[in-house]
Amino acid sequence: MGKKQKHCDPNNRDDARQGDHWDHVGFDPEHRLVVSVVPGKRTAEHAERLVQDFKARTGGRPLNLITTDEYAPYETAILKAYGQCIVPPHTGRPGRPEGPRWLAPPSLLYATVHKTREKGRVVNVETRVVFGRPEAVQAALKASPVSRHVNTAFIERHNGTDRNRNARKVRKTYCFSKDWDVHEAMTYYALYSYNFCWPVRTLRVRNVGGQWQPRTPAMAARLADHVWSLHEWLTFPAVQRK
């Protein structure tokens, strides 16, 4: 954004929001729902913000299975959000006491995907179970309505849809963002309006008359009962009064 990453000066504060940026996205593959978004540099801080925001938006409910790419900070962020902080008791022995540590509960299932590329093409895909027993991960996949394998295909497919809807993210284009505030606002606008205003072909269902009924991710997740217009979505009150 603004300039290529290789031209950014790490010692220049003005370049902090220039160069490469990522959309850290918490995605529900069953309903194709964008749950949480944190745009910005790929850092441990942003990874933790994403996981904590996702947890808050889902009421802290434990997930059947979490999958990501092999970006290391996600492991720590997920453990802090869904793990248990254990403080070892004092033993009375000399020396520095053991500090608190985070432990993953047996119900926390997390796996990663590593892709090996040669000349821009994926030649090998490896998966790794980070938290939980492999048998429990396989059981979660068997019960999944959308996939039988650990993968990141759903979010990658959605990234393609987002690039199609947001010209600022098209690769090798003159439309790239020059201003961070506008880029951030457009990111939220495109990704969250997708939930309510964009019918997804794979979510459609047949009605009683046998005709296909379009559905948005919000409809599939029972957050809406119809396809919203952009005007309806933009004018919907952000704070609901009871």
Protein backbone atom coordinates (compact mmCIF):
# COMPACT_ATOMS: atom_id res chain seq x y z
CA MET A 1 0.00 0.00 0.00
CA GLY A 2 1.37 3.41 -0.94
CA LYS A 3 4.73 1.90 -1.97
CA LYS A 4 6.26 -1.54 -2.40
CA GLN A 5 7.50 -3.29 0.74
CA LYS A 6 11.08 -3.36 -0.53
CA HIS A 7 11.07 0.45 -0.68
CA CYS A 8 9.87 0.89 2.91
CA ASP A 9 12.32 2.12 5.55
CA PRO A 10 11.82 0.30 8.89
CA ASN A 11 13.31 3.32 10.68
CA ASN A 12 10.85 5.74 9.10
CA ARG A 13 7.61 6.09 11.08
CA ASP A 14 5.82 7.33 7.96
CA ASP A 15 6.44 3.93 6.33
CA ALA A 16 4.74 1.97 9.13
CA ARG A 17 1.50 1.90 7.15
CA GLN A 18 3.09 1.51 3.75
CA GLY A 19 4.04 -1.62 1.85
CA ASP A 20 2.53 -5.08 2.36
CA HIS A 21 -0.59 -5.54 4.49
CA TRP A 22 -2.77 -8.55 5.23
CA ASP A 23 -6.38 -9.15 6.14
CA HIS A 24 -6.42 -11.32 9.26
CA VAL A 25 -9.83 -12.97 8.87
CA GLY A 26 -11.79 -15.24 11.20
CA PHE A 27 -13.98 -17.25 8.83
CA ASP A 28 -16.85 -19.70 9.42
CA PRO A 29 -16.64 -22.18 6.50
CA GLU A 30 -20.00 -23.82 7.21
CA HIS A 31 -21.96 -20.61 6.69
CA ARG A 32 -19.29 -18.76 4.62
CA LEU A 33 -19.50 -16.05 7.28
CA VAL A 34 -16.81 -13.46 7.94
CA VAL A 35 -16.82 -13.32 11.74
CA SER A 36 -13.87 -11.04 12.42
CA VAL A 37 -11.39 -8.92 10.46
CA VAL A 38 -8.15 -7.19 11.48
CA PRO A 39 -6.36 -5.48 8.57
CA GLY A 40 -2.72 -4.49 8.85
CA LYS A 41 0.83 -5.78 9.00
CA ARG A 42 1.26 -9.46 9.70
CA THR A 43 2.29 -9.31 13.34
CA ALA A 44 1.73 -11.27 16.53
CA GLU A 45 -0.28 -8.35 17.90
CA HIS A 46 -2.74 -8.46 15.00
CA ALA A 47 -3.01 -12.25 15.23
CA GLU A 48 -3.92 -11.96 18.92
CA ARG A 49 -6.41 -9.15 18.21
CA LEU A 50 -8.12 -11.35 15.62
CA VAL A 51 -8.44 -14.39 17.89
CA GLN A 52 -9.65 -12.33 20.85
CA ASP A 53 -12.19 -10.48 18.69
CA PHE A 54 -13.40 -13.75 17.18
CA LYS A 55 -13.83 -15.22 20.67
CA ALA A 56 -15.80 -12.16 21.82
CA ARG A 57 -18.09 -12.22 18.77
CA THR A 58 -18.87 -15.92 19.27
CA GLY A 59 -19.56 -15.57 22.99
CA GLY A 60 -16.43 -17.47 23.97
CA ARG A 61 -17.93 -20.75 22.82
CA PRO A 62 -15.37 -23.50 22.14
CA LEU A 63 -14.98 -24.32 18.45
CA ASN A 64 -15.14 -27.81 16.96
CA LEU A 65 -11.87 -27.27 15.10
CA ILE A 66 -9.59 -24.32 14.32
CA THR A 67 -7.34 -24.36 11.27
CA THR A 68 -4.83 -21.78 10.03
CA ASP A 69 -1.69 -21.61 7.95
CA GLU A 70 1.63 -22.19 9.73
CA TYR A 71 2.06 -18.56 10.89
CA ALA A 72 3.54 -19.16 14.37
CA PRO A 73 1.86 -16.33 16.39
CA TYR A 74 -1.55 -17.93 15.86
CA GLU A 75 -0.59 -20.79 18.16
CA THR A 76 0.17 -18.44 21.06
CA ALA A 77 -2.90 -16.30 20.36
CA ILE A 78 -5.25 -19.31 20.31
CA LEU A 79 -3.71 -20.75 23.48
CA LYS A 80 -4.17 -17.45 25.34
CA ALA A 81 -7.76 -17.09 24.15
CA TYR A 82 -9.01 -20.63 24.71
CA GLY A 83 -6.42 -22.16 27.01
CA GLN A 84 -6.10 -22.28 30.77
CA CYS A 85 -3.55 -20.30 32.75
CA ILE A 86 -1.90 -22.57 35.32
CA VAL A 87 0.02 -21.08 38.26
CA PRO A 88 2.27 -23.74 39.84
CA PRO A 89 2.16 -23.77 43.67
CA HIS A 90 5.19 -22.67 45.63
CA THR A 91 7.39 -25.60 46.54
CA GLY A 92 9.34 -23.84 49.30
CA ARG A 93 12.60 -24.85 47.64
CA PRO A 94 15.36 -22.33 46.92
CA GLY A 95 15.55 -20.72 43.50
CA ARG A 96 13.22 -18.76 41.30
CA PRO A 97 9.66 -20.15 41.44
CA GLU A 98 8.15 -21.50 38.27
CA GLY A 99 6.02 -18.90 36.50
CA PRO A 100 2.48 -19.29 35.18
CA ARG A 101 2.00 -21.14 31.93
CA TRP A 102 -0.82 -21.68 29.46
CA LEU A 103 -2.19 -25.16 28.88
CA ALA A 104 -4.54 -26.28 26.13
CA PRO A 105 -7.67 -28.06 27.41
CA PRO A 106 -8.46 -31.42 25.79
CA SER A 107 -11.44 -29.86 24.00
CA LEU A 108 -9.23 -27.36 22.13
CA LEU A 109 -8.54 -28.70 18.64
CA TYR A 110 -6.17 -26.76 16.40
CA ALA A 111 -4.33 -27.84 13.24
CA THR A 112 -2.17 -26.03 10.71
CA VAL A 113 -1.53 -26.34 6.99
CA HIS A 114 1.91 -25.96 5.41
CA LYS A 115 2.22 -25.63 1.64
CA THR A 116 5.47 -26.17 -0.23
CA ARG A 117 5.75 -24.19 -3.46
CA GLU A 118 8.09 -24.51 -6.41
CA LYS A 119 8.07 -21.89 -9.15
CA GLY A 120 4.87 -20.43 -7.74
CA ARG A 121 2.99 -23.74 -7.69
CA VAL A 122 1.97 -25.83 -4.69
CA VAL A 123 3.78 -29.17 -4.88
CA ASN A 124 3.09 -30.51 -1.41
CA VAL A 125 0.63 -29.91 1.45
CA GLU A 126 1.37 -31.00 5.01
CA THR A 127 -0.90 -30.75 8.04
CA ARG A 128 0.02 -30.75 11.72
CA VAL A 129 -2.15 -31.16 14.80
CA VAL A 130 -1.02 -28.50 17.30
CA PHE A 131 -3.60 -28.86 20.08
CA GLY A 132 -5.72 -31.92 20.76
CA ARG A 133 -5.41 -35.58 19.91
CA PRO A 134 -5.28 -36.61 16.22
CA GLU A 135 -8.24 -38.92 16.80
CA ALA A 136 -10.30 -36.02 18.13
CA VAL A 137 -9.39 -33.90 15.11
CA GLN A 138 -10.43 -36.72 12.78
CA ALA A 139 -13.72 -37.08 14.65
CA ALA A 140 -14.37 -33.34 14.27
CA LEU A 141 -13.65 -33.59 10.54
CA LYS A 142 -15.95 -36.58 10.19
CA ALA A 143 -18.76 -34.57 11.80
CA SER A 144 -18.05 -31.49 9.69
CA PRO A 145 -20.71 -30.70 7.05
CA VAL A 146 -18.18 -29.01 4.73
CA SER A 147 -14.86 -30.86 4.75
CA ARG A 148 -13.14 -34.13 5.64
CA HIS A 149 -9.61 -32.73 5.58
CA VAL A 150 -7.61 -30.12 7.47
CA ASN A 151 -7.30 -27.25 5.01
CA THR A 152 -7.44 -23.50 4.48
CA ALA A 153 -9.26 -23.76 1.15
CA PHE A 154 -12.40 -21.93 2.30
CA ILE A 155 -10.65 -18.76 3.44
CA GLU A 156 -8.41 -18.83 0.36
CA ARG A 157 -11.47 -19.06 -1.86
CA HIS A 158 -13.05 -16.21 0.03
CA ASN A 159 -9.91 -14.13 -0.46
CA GLY A 160 -10.45 -14.51 -4.19
CA THR A 161 -14.05 -13.34 -3.83
CA ASP A 162 -12.90 -10.36 -1.78
CA ARG A 163 -10.36 -9.36 -4.43
CA ASN A 164 -13.14 -9.53 -6.99
CA ARG A 165 -15.35 -7.23 -4.90
CA ASN A 166 -12.61 -4.84 -3.73
CA ALA A 167 -10.46 -3.53 -6.60
CA ARG A 168 -7.88 -2.20 -4.13
CA LYS A 169 -6.75 -5.77 -3.47
CA VAL A 170 -6.45 -6.96 -7.06
CA ARG A 171 -2.89 -8.06 -7.72
CA LYS A 172 -0.68 -5.89 -9.94
CA THR A 173 -3.16 -3.05 -10.36
CA TYR A 174 -3.10 0.75 -10.38
CA CYS A 175 -6.10 0.65 -8.01
CA PHE A 176 -4.02 -0.25 -4.94
CA SER A 177 -4.65 1.80 -1.81
CA LYS A 178 -2.59 4.94 -1.25
CA ASP A 179 -4.13 5.98 2.07
CA TRP A 180 -4.34 3.68 5.10
CA ASP A 181 -7.55 5.07 6.59
CA VAL A 182 -9.42 4.66 3.30
CA HIS A 183 -7.97 1.17 2.82
CA GLU A 184 -9.02 0.09 6.32
CA ALA A 185 -12.54 1.50 5.90
CA MET A 186 -12.96 -0.15 2.50
CA THR A 187 -11.75 -3.46 3.91
CA TYR A 188 -14.40 -3.47 6.64
CA TYR A 189 -17.04 -2.26 4.18
CA ALA A 190 -16.39 -4.98 1.61
CA LEU A 191 -15.89 -7.88 4.02
CA TYR A 192 -18.78 -7.23 6.40
CA SER A 193 -21.31 -6.20 3.74
CA TYR A 194 -20.54 -9.56 2.10
CA ASN A 195 -22.19 -11.28 5.06
CA PHE A 196 -25.58 -9.65 4.57
CA CYS A 197 -25.73 -8.40 0.96
CA TRP A 198 -23.93 -11.03 -1.13
CA PRO A 199 -25.87 -14.23 -1.99
CA VAL A 200 -23.48 -17.18 -2.17
CA ARG A 201 -24.31 -19.76 -4.83
CA THR A 202 -23.29 -22.75 -2.70
CA LEU A 203 -25.62 -21.62 0.11
CA ARG A 204 -28.79 -21.51 -1.96
CA VAL A 205 -31.65 -23.90 -1.08
CA ARG A 206 -34.81 -25.02 -2.83
CA ASN A 207 -38.07 -23.60 -1.53
CA VAL A 208 -41.38 -25.46 -1.31
CA GLY A 209 -42.05 -24.66 -4.97
CA GLY A 210 -38.82 -26.28 -6.05
CA GLN A 211 -37.19 -23.00 -7.01
CA TRP A 212 -33.75 -21.97 -5.86
CA GLN A 213 -33.78 -19.43 -3.02
CA PRO A 214 -30.60 -17.30 -2.75
CA ARG A 215 -29.03 -17.04 0.68
CA THR A 216 -26.32 -14.85 2.15
CA PRO A 217 -23.90 -16.05 4.85
CA ALA A 218 -25.96 -14.15 7.42
CA MET A 219 -29.08 -16.01 6.32
CA ALA A 220 -27.29 -19.36 6.52
CA ALA A 221 -26.12 -18.48 10.05
CA ARG A 222 -29.67 -17.36 10.99
CA LEU A 223 -28.61 -13.76 11.51
CA ALA A 224 -30.96 -12.48 8.79
CA ASP A 225 -34.09 -13.71 7.02
CA HIS A 226 -33.57 -12.03 3.63
CA VAL A 227 -30.89 -10.60 1.35
CA TRP A 228 -30.17 -7.10 2.60
CA SER A 229 -29.65 -4.14 0.30
CA LEU A 230 -26.56 -2.02 0.87
CA HIS A 231 -28.81 0.86 1.97
CA GLU A 232 -30.46 -1.36 4.57
CA TRP A 233 -27.12 -2.60 5.85
CA LEU A 234 -25.51 0.86 5.99
CA THR A 235 -28.46 2.45 7.81
CA PHE A 236 -28.98 -0.37 10.30
CA PRO A 237 -28.33 0.95 13.85
CA ALA A 238 -25.01 -0.25 15.21
CA VAL A 239 -26.36 -0.21 18.77
CA GLN A 240 -29.65 -1.95 19.46
CA ARG A 241 -31.89 -0.66 22.25
CA LYS A 242 -34.04 -3.15 24.10
